[in-house]
Amino acid sequence: MVKDYKELRKRYNIPVIVLLVIIALPFLYIVQVTQSKKIALICFLIYLPFELVLVIIKDTLLIKKLNSLIYKDINLDLMASYILNQKRKSIKTIKARVQVATIFYFYRIGDFGFIEAVVDELKKNQKFTDVEQVKLNEILLNVNLFSRPDLKEDQFEELLADYLADVEPLKMAYRARYDILVKKEPNDAVLKEVTNNKFSQLESMYLKAVNEYLKGNRNKAMELFRTIAKEDEGLYLVRMAQAYLDSENSGEKSVLLDARQEEVTLKLLRMKLVEVKPAKSTKSTKGLAFFKGWKIALLLIPPFLLYAMVLVVIAVVKKIGSFVFSKSEK
């Protein structure tokens, strides 16, 4: 499984660069044979659409694959790597994607305190469809259910009215979640939910396990918790499932995460979003940094255009040389 966004991007960039070089070869041959700047310009104008189409296709496939790995699947390391590598981008669409990924990352690891602020910032800079707005509101509702064990029923109903005003089927499902997570009462209505990605399936399995636990079906509940505990321990649901298993093994009635250990875990998971600056070297790297910044741009310049530029330089040098030689003869 890919855990580094740069590695994933490289898998899509390299084939595109190879294809661009292959496509450029016949144009390079034509320019070399004709030795014409005009032909070189025409070749460039023909070549440019190929380049743009390939880049658009590459970006589309990369985003589709990325979304599949971090949203449909569960890949916390890749999600953190993507956020870390893209969070400084100033392009509006990329910035919005990073903020969405940040919300999902914090929600999945159980770092609920930061989510509302990120959602508010995202809403200021991005317009959402009704479906996207409902999804964000669902996350905010879940944050309240998981992080506020003292949430009063009238407060919860106010949240429902604010977040899911016109979505009655979802309201029923979230009332069931409130019963299970806050009131600690079983409610089978939550089992009617249909999910289409791995994390949502895991969340539904967790709710089903807690529901069975509250009904007194301990064996069935523990079987579900053991299945959940096999997933990435960075997930809040996995840590909670393990807490239920530990409670069952020790015979304790209360199911709580160790506060100190949870603080350390969340701190380590947050650190994945912090850029680590390399140690300063005594050697100068200005030239190397310049090369790294421009090497991608150089790759995008077609070889035949470079060849045409060389032809222009040679022509200019010849004219200057002939002018200086004629002056010297006089």
Protein backbone atom coordinates (compact mmCIF):
# COMPACT_ATOMS: atom_id res chain seq x y z
CA MET A 1 0.00 0.00 0.00
CA VAL A 2 1.31 3.46 -0.97
CA LYS A 3 1.88 5.61 2.12
CA ASP A 4 3.73 8.57 0.59
CA TYR A 5 1.94 11.10 -1.65
CA LYS A 6 5.17 11.94 -3.50
CA GLU A 7 5.60 8.26 -4.37
CA LEU A 8 2.01 8.06 -5.65
CA ARG A 9 2.48 11.21 -7.73
CA LYS A 10 5.74 9.86 -9.16
CA ARG A 11 3.92 6.74 -10.39
CA TYR A 12 1.75 8.98 -12.56
CA ASN A 13 4.37 11.59 -13.54
CA ILE A 14 7.01 9.23 -14.96
CA PRO A 15 4.78 7.57 -17.64
CA VAL A 16 3.59 11.03 -18.76
CA ILE A 17 7.16 12.31 -19.12
CA VAL A 18 8.11 9.21 -21.14
CA LEU A 19 5.08 9.67 -23.43
CA LEU A 20 5.90 13.36 -23.93
CA VAL A 21 9.46 12.50 -24.97
CA ILE A 22 8.22 9.81 -27.40
CA ILE A 23 5.67 12.21 -28.93
CA ALA A 24 8.35 14.90 -29.24
CA LEU A 25 10.78 12.71 -31.22
CA PRO A 26 9.12 13.01 -34.67
CA PHE A 27 8.81 16.78 -34.23
CA LEU A 28 12.48 16.93 -33.26
CA TYR A 29 13.38 15.03 -36.43
CA ILE A 30 11.31 17.42 -38.60
CA VAL A 31 12.93 20.51 -37.05
CA GLN A 32 16.40 18.99 -37.38
CA VAL A 33 15.87 18.20 -41.08
CA THR A 34 14.24 21.51 -42.03
CA GLN A 35 16.46 23.74 -39.83
CA SER A 36 13.53 26.17 -39.85
CA LYS A 37 12.42 28.34 -36.94
CA LYS A 38 8.96 28.66 -38.50
CA ILE A 39 8.55 24.87 -38.70
CA ALA A 40 9.75 24.60 -35.09
CA LEU A 41 7.03 27.05 -33.98
CA ILE A 42 4.36 25.12 -35.91
CA CYS A 43 5.56 21.85 -34.34
CA PHE A 44 5.36 23.42 -30.91
CA LEU A 45 1.77 24.60 -31.49
CA ILE A 46 0.80 21.08 -32.62
CA TYR A 47 2.65 19.45 -29.73
CA LEU A 48 1.24 21.73 -27.00
CA PRO A 49 -2.34 20.28 -27.06
CA PHE A 50 -0.91 16.76 -26.66
CA GLU A 51 1.05 17.94 -23.64
CA LEU A 52 -1.95 19.68 -22.05
CA VAL A 53 -4.28 16.71 -22.61
CA LEU A 54 -1.78 14.27 -21.09
CA VAL A 55 -1.26 16.50 -18.05
CA ILE A 56 -5.04 16.87 -17.53
CA ILE A 57 -5.56 13.10 -17.87
CA LYS A 58 -2.67 12.44 -15.45
CA ASP A 59 -4.03 14.88 -12.86
CA THR A 60 -7.55 13.45 -13.17
CA LEU A 61 -6.35 9.86 -12.71
CA LEU A 62 -4.07 10.87 -9.82
CA ILE A 63 -6.89 12.64 -7.94
CA LYS A 64 -9.25 9.73 -8.60
CA LYS A 65 -6.71 7.21 -7.26
CA LEU A 66 -5.88 9.44 -4.28
CA ASN A 67 -9.55 9.83 -3.36
CA SER A 68 -10.02 6.08 -3.63
CA LEU A 69 -7.08 5.39 -1.28
CA ILE A 70 -7.83 8.01 1.38
CA TYR A 71 -11.63 8.18 1.33
CA LYS A 72 -13.04 4.89 0.03
CA ASP A 73 -10.22 2.99 1.71
CA ILE A 74 -8.46 3.72 5.01
CA ASN A 75 -4.92 5.04 4.57
CA LEU A 76 -4.03 7.52 7.33
CA ASP A 77 -0.34 7.72 6.36
CA LEU A 78 -1.13 8.65 2.75
CA MET A 79 -3.77 11.16 3.88
CA ALA A 80 -1.27 12.82 6.24
CA SER A 81 1.43 12.82 3.55
CA TYR A 82 -0.97 14.45 1.05
CA ILE A 83 -1.96 17.16 3.55
CA LEU A 84 1.68 17.83 4.46
CA ASN A 85 2.82 18.09 0.83
CA GLN A 86 -0.07 20.20 -0.43
CA LYS A 87 -1.06 22.46 2.48
CA ARG A 88 1.15 25.36 1.35
CA LYS A 89 -0.39 25.46 -2.13
CA SER A 90 -2.19 28.73 -2.89
CA ILE A 91 -4.47 27.41 -5.66
CA LYS A 92 -8.04 27.61 -4.36
CA THR A 93 -9.19 24.13 -5.45
CA ILE A 94 -6.10 22.43 -4.00
CA LYS A 95 -6.45 24.40 -0.77
CA ALA A 96 -10.09 23.27 -0.45
CA ARG A 97 -9.13 19.61 -1.08
CA VAL A 98 -6.46 19.82 1.62
CA GLN A 99 -8.90 21.32 4.12
CA VAL A 100 -11.44 18.56 3.41
CA ALA A 101 -8.71 15.93 3.85
CA THR A 102 -7.67 17.61 7.13
CA ILE A 103 -11.25 17.41 8.44
CA PHE A 104 -11.48 13.71 7.62
CA TYR A 105 -8.02 13.05 9.07
CA PHE A 106 -8.83 14.71 12.41
CA TYR A 107 -12.21 12.97 12.53
CA ARG A 108 -10.75 9.53 11.87
CA ILE A 109 -7.98 9.85 14.46
CA GLY A 110 -10.42 11.24 17.03
CA ASP A 111 -8.87 14.71 17.33
CA PHE A 112 -12.29 16.32 17.50
CA GLY A 113 -11.28 19.70 18.94
CA PHE A 114 -9.81 21.06 15.68
CA ILE A 115 -12.56 20.01 13.27
CA GLU A 116 -15.13 22.77 13.73
CA ALA A 117 -12.56 25.52 13.14
CA VAL A 118 -11.36 23.88 9.91
CA VAL A 119 -14.96 23.42 8.70
CA ASP A 120 -15.73 27.11 9.38
CA GLU A 121 -12.64 28.20 7.45
CA LEU A 122 -13.55 25.88 4.58
CA LYS A 123 -17.11 27.24 4.38
CA LYS A 124 -15.76 30.79 4.05
CA ASN A 125 -13.64 29.89 1.01
CA GLN A 126 -15.69 27.21 -0.73
CA LYS A 127 -19.25 26.74 -1.94
CA PHE A 128 -20.77 23.29 -1.48
CA THR A 129 -23.49 21.30 -3.13
CA ASP A 130 -26.38 20.17 -0.93
CA VAL A 131 -24.90 16.64 -0.75
CA GLU A 132 -21.45 17.94 0.28
CA GLN A 133 -23.01 20.25 2.89
CA VAL A 134 -24.97 17.35 4.42
CA LYS A 135 -21.77 15.26 4.58
CA LEU A 136 -19.92 18.03 6.43
CA ASN A 137 -22.86 18.45 8.80
CA GLU A 138 -22.86 14.70 9.47
CA ILE A 139 -19.20 14.91 10.51
CA LEU A 140 -19.99 17.80 12.87
CA LEU A 141 -22.87 15.81 14.37
CA ASN A 142 -20.66 12.76 14.87
CA VAL A 143 -18.00 14.95 16.50
CA ASN A 144 -20.56 16.07 19.07
CA LEU A 145 -21.76 12.50 19.67
CA PHE A 146 -18.29 11.04 20.15
CA SER A 147 -16.77 13.92 22.14
CA ARG A 148 -19.64 15.09 24.37
CA PRO A 149 -20.85 12.29 26.67
CA ASP A 150 -22.90 14.87 28.59
CA LEU A 151 -24.78 16.15 25.52
CA LYS A 152 -28.39 16.88 26.56
CA GLU A 153 -31.25 15.63 24.40
CA ASP A 154 -32.65 19.12 23.77
CA GLN A 155 -29.16 20.28 22.72
CA PHE A 156 -28.88 17.32 20.37
CA GLU A 157 -32.28 18.10 18.83
CA GLU A 158 -31.11 21.67 18.21
CA LEU A 159 -28.03 20.33 16.44
CA LEU A 160 -30.23 18.03 14.35
CA ALA A 161 -32.43 20.97 13.37
CA ASP A 162 -29.38 23.03 12.39
CA TYR A 163 -27.43 20.36 10.53
CA LEU A 164 -30.09 18.08 9.04
CA ALA A 165 -33.19 20.26 8.79
CA ASP A 166 -34.72 18.55 5.74
CA VAL A 167 -33.26 15.03 5.89
CA GLU A 168 -35.71 12.97 7.96
CA PRO A 169 -34.23 9.46 7.32
CA LEU A 170 -30.81 10.68 8.49
CA LYS A 171 -32.37 12.25 11.57
CA MET A 172 -33.72 8.85 12.63
CA ALA A 173 -30.31 7.24 12.18
CA TYR A 174 -28.62 9.97 14.24
CA ARG A 175 -31.20 9.73 17.01
CA ALA A 176 -30.24 6.05 17.19
CA ARG A 177 -26.56 7.07 17.37
CA TYR A 178 -27.40 9.47 20.20
CA ASP A 179 -29.15 6.67 22.10
CA ILE A 180 -26.16 4.33 21.69
CA LEU A 181 -23.23 6.73 22.19
CA VAL A 182 -24.61 9.22 24.72
CA LYS A 183 -27.61 7.70 26.49
CA LYS A 184 -26.01 4.23 26.43
CA GLU A 185 -29.28 2.64 25.35
CA PRO A 186 -29.60 0.08 22.50
CA ASN A 187 -31.38 1.18 19.32
CA ASP A 188 -31.53 -1.08 16.26
CA ALA A 189 -32.48 1.78 13.92
CA VAL A 190 -28.78 2.50 13.43
CA LEU A 191 -28.37 -0.88 11.68
CA LYS A 192 -30.43 0.30 8.72
CA GLU A 193 -27.68 2.60 7.51
CA VAL A 194 -26.09 1.78 4.16
CA THR A 195 -22.41 2.66 3.68
CA ASN A 196 -20.19 2.73 0.60
CA ASN A 197 -16.65 3.18 1.91
CA LYS A 198 -14.43 1.25 4.30
CA PHE A 199 -14.34 3.81 7.10
CA SER A 200 -18.14 4.22 7.10
CA GLN A 201 -18.46 0.44 7.18
CA LEU A 202 -16.06 0.36 10.13
CA GLU A 203 -18.06 3.06 11.89
CA SER A 204 -21.31 1.15 11.34
CA MET A 205 -19.65 -2.01 12.63
CA TYR A 206 -18.53 -0.14 15.74
CA LEU A 207 -22.04 1.20 16.38
CA LYS A 208 -23.47 -2.28 15.86
CA ALA A 209 -20.91 -3.70 18.32
CA VAL A 210 -21.74 -1.11 20.98
CA ASN A 211 -25.44 -1.72 20.35
CA GLU A 212 -24.98 -5.47 20.92
CA TYR A 213 -22.87 -4.73 24.01
CA LEU A 214 -25.68 -2.59 25.47
CA LYS A 215 -28.22 -5.32 24.71
CA GLY A 216 -26.10 -7.78 26.69
CA ASN A 217 -24.93 -9.83 23.69
CA ARG A 218 -21.29 -9.71 24.83
CA ASN A 219 -19.96 -12.55 22.65
CA LYS A 220 -21.31 -11.01 19.45
CA ALA A 221 -20.10 -7.56 20.51
CA MET A 222 -16.58 -8.80 21.32
CA GLU A 223 -16.37 -10.59 17.97
CA LEU A 224 -17.16 -7.33 16.18
CA PHE A 225 -14.71 -5.36 18.37
CA ARG A 226 -11.95 -7.90 17.58
CA THR A 227 -12.57 -7.39 13.85
CA ILE A 228 -12.35 -3.61 14.25
CA ALA A 229 -9.19 -3.85 16.40
CA LYS A 230 -7.31 -5.40 13.45
CA GLU A 231 -7.37 -2.07 11.59
CA ASP A 232 -4.92 0.85 11.94
CA GLU A 233 -4.60 1.74 15.63
CA GLY A 234 -4.35 5.40 14.62
CA LEU A 235 -8.12 5.30 14.13
CA TYR A 236 -10.18 6.44 17.10
CA LEU A 237 -12.72 3.65 16.53
CA VAL A 238 -9.96 1.04 16.68
CA ARG A 239 -8.67 2.40 19.98
CA MET A 240 -12.21 2.43 21.39
CA ALA A 241 -12.80 -1.16 20.21
CA GLN A 242 -9.58 -2.18 21.96
CA ALA A 243 -10.78 -0.39 25.11
CA TYR A 244 -13.95 -2.51 25.09
CA LEU A 245 -11.87 -5.67 24.64
CA ASP A 246 -9.52 -4.68 27.48
CA SER A 247 -12.50 -3.88 29.71
CA GLU A 248 -14.04 -7.30 29.01
CA ASN A 249 -10.74 -9.07 29.74
CA SER A 250 -10.15 -7.18 33.00
CA GLY A 251 -13.74 -7.39 34.16
CA GLU A 252 -14.10 -3.62 34.52
CA LYS A 253 -17.52 -2.12 33.90
CA SER A 254 -16.37 1.28 32.62
CA VAL A 255 -14.98 1.60 29.08
CA LEU A 256 -12.58 4.53 28.86
CA LEU A 257 -9.44 5.39 26.94
CA ASP A 258 -6.35 6.15 29.02
CA ALA A 259 -6.27 9.97 28.94
CA ARG A 260 -2.47 10.26 29.08
CA GLN A 261 -1.90 7.61 26.43
CA GLU A 262 -4.59 9.17 24.22
CA GLU A 263 -2.89 12.56 24.48
CA VAL A 264 0.44 11.06 23.38
CA THR A 265 -1.21 9.15 20.51
CA LEU A 266 -2.98 12.24 19.17
CA LYS A 267 0.19 14.31 19.48
CA LEU A 268 2.13 11.77 17.41
CA LEU A 269 -0.64 11.66 14.79
CA ARG A 270 -0.74 15.48 14.62
CA MET A 271 3.04 15.55 14.15
CA LYS A 272 2.55 13.80 10.79
CA LEU A 273 1.03 17.05 9.52
CA VAL A 274 4.02 19.14 10.67
CA GLU A 275 6.83 19.77 8.23
CA VAL A 276 10.23 18.84 9.63
CA LYS A 277 12.89 21.28 8.49
CA PRO A 278 16.19 19.62 7.53
CA ALA A 279 19.30 20.56 9.47
CA LYS A 280 21.23 23.45 7.96
CA SER A 281 24.30 22.43 6.03
CA THR A 282 27.52 24.42 5.94
CA LYS A 283 27.74 23.86 2.18
CA SER A 284 25.95 26.25 -0.17
CA THR A 285 22.94 24.68 -1.91
CA LYS A 286 21.66 27.73 -3.79
CA GLY A 287 22.53 26.30 -7.18
CA LEU A 288 20.99 22.93 -6.29
CA ALA A 289 17.82 24.59 -4.98
CA PHE A 290 17.54 26.58 -8.23
CA PHE A 291 17.87 23.38 -10.26
CA LYS A 292 15.24 21.56 -8.17
CA GLY A 293 12.83 24.44 -8.64
CA TRP A 294 13.21 24.55 -12.41
CA LYS A 295 13.81 20.93 -13.40
CA ILE A 296 10.09 20.20 -13.86
CA ALA A 297 9.65 23.30 -16.00
CA LEU A 298 12.60 22.23 -18.14
CA LEU A 299 11.08 18.80 -18.65
CA LEU A 300 7.91 20.40 -20.02
CA ILE A 301 9.82 22.34 -22.70
CA PRO A 302 9.73 20.18 -25.86
CA PRO A 303 13.17 19.15 -27.12
CA PHE A 304 12.45 20.53 -30.57
CA LEU A 305 11.66 23.95 -29.10
CA LEU A 306 15.01 23.86 -27.32
CA TYR A 307 16.59 22.93 -30.63
CA ALA A 308 14.86 25.89 -32.28
CA MET A 309 16.18 28.17 -29.55
CA VAL A 310 19.69 26.86 -30.23
CA LEU A 311 19.21 27.62 -33.93
CA VAL A 312 18.17 31.19 -33.10
CA VAL A 313 21.22 31.67 -30.86
CA ILE A 314 23.54 30.31 -33.56
CA ALA A 315 21.96 32.62 -36.15
CA VAL A 316 22.34 35.65 -33.86
CA VAL A 317 25.97 34.75 -33.10
CA LYS A 318 26.69 34.38 -36.84
CA LYS A 319 25.18 37.79 -37.60
CA ILE A 320 27.16 39.43 -34.81
CA GLY A 321 30.32 37.67 -36.00
CA SER A 322 29.86 38.76 -39.62
CA PHE A 323 29.10 42.34 -38.50
CA VAL A 324 32.24 42.50 -36.35
CA PHE A 325 34.34 40.93 -39.13
CA SER A 326 33.07 43.43 -41.73
CA LYS A 327 33.85 46.32 -39.37
CA SER A 328 37.36 45.04 -38.73
CA GLU A 329 38.09 44.80 -42.48
CA LYS A 330 37.19 48.45 -42.89
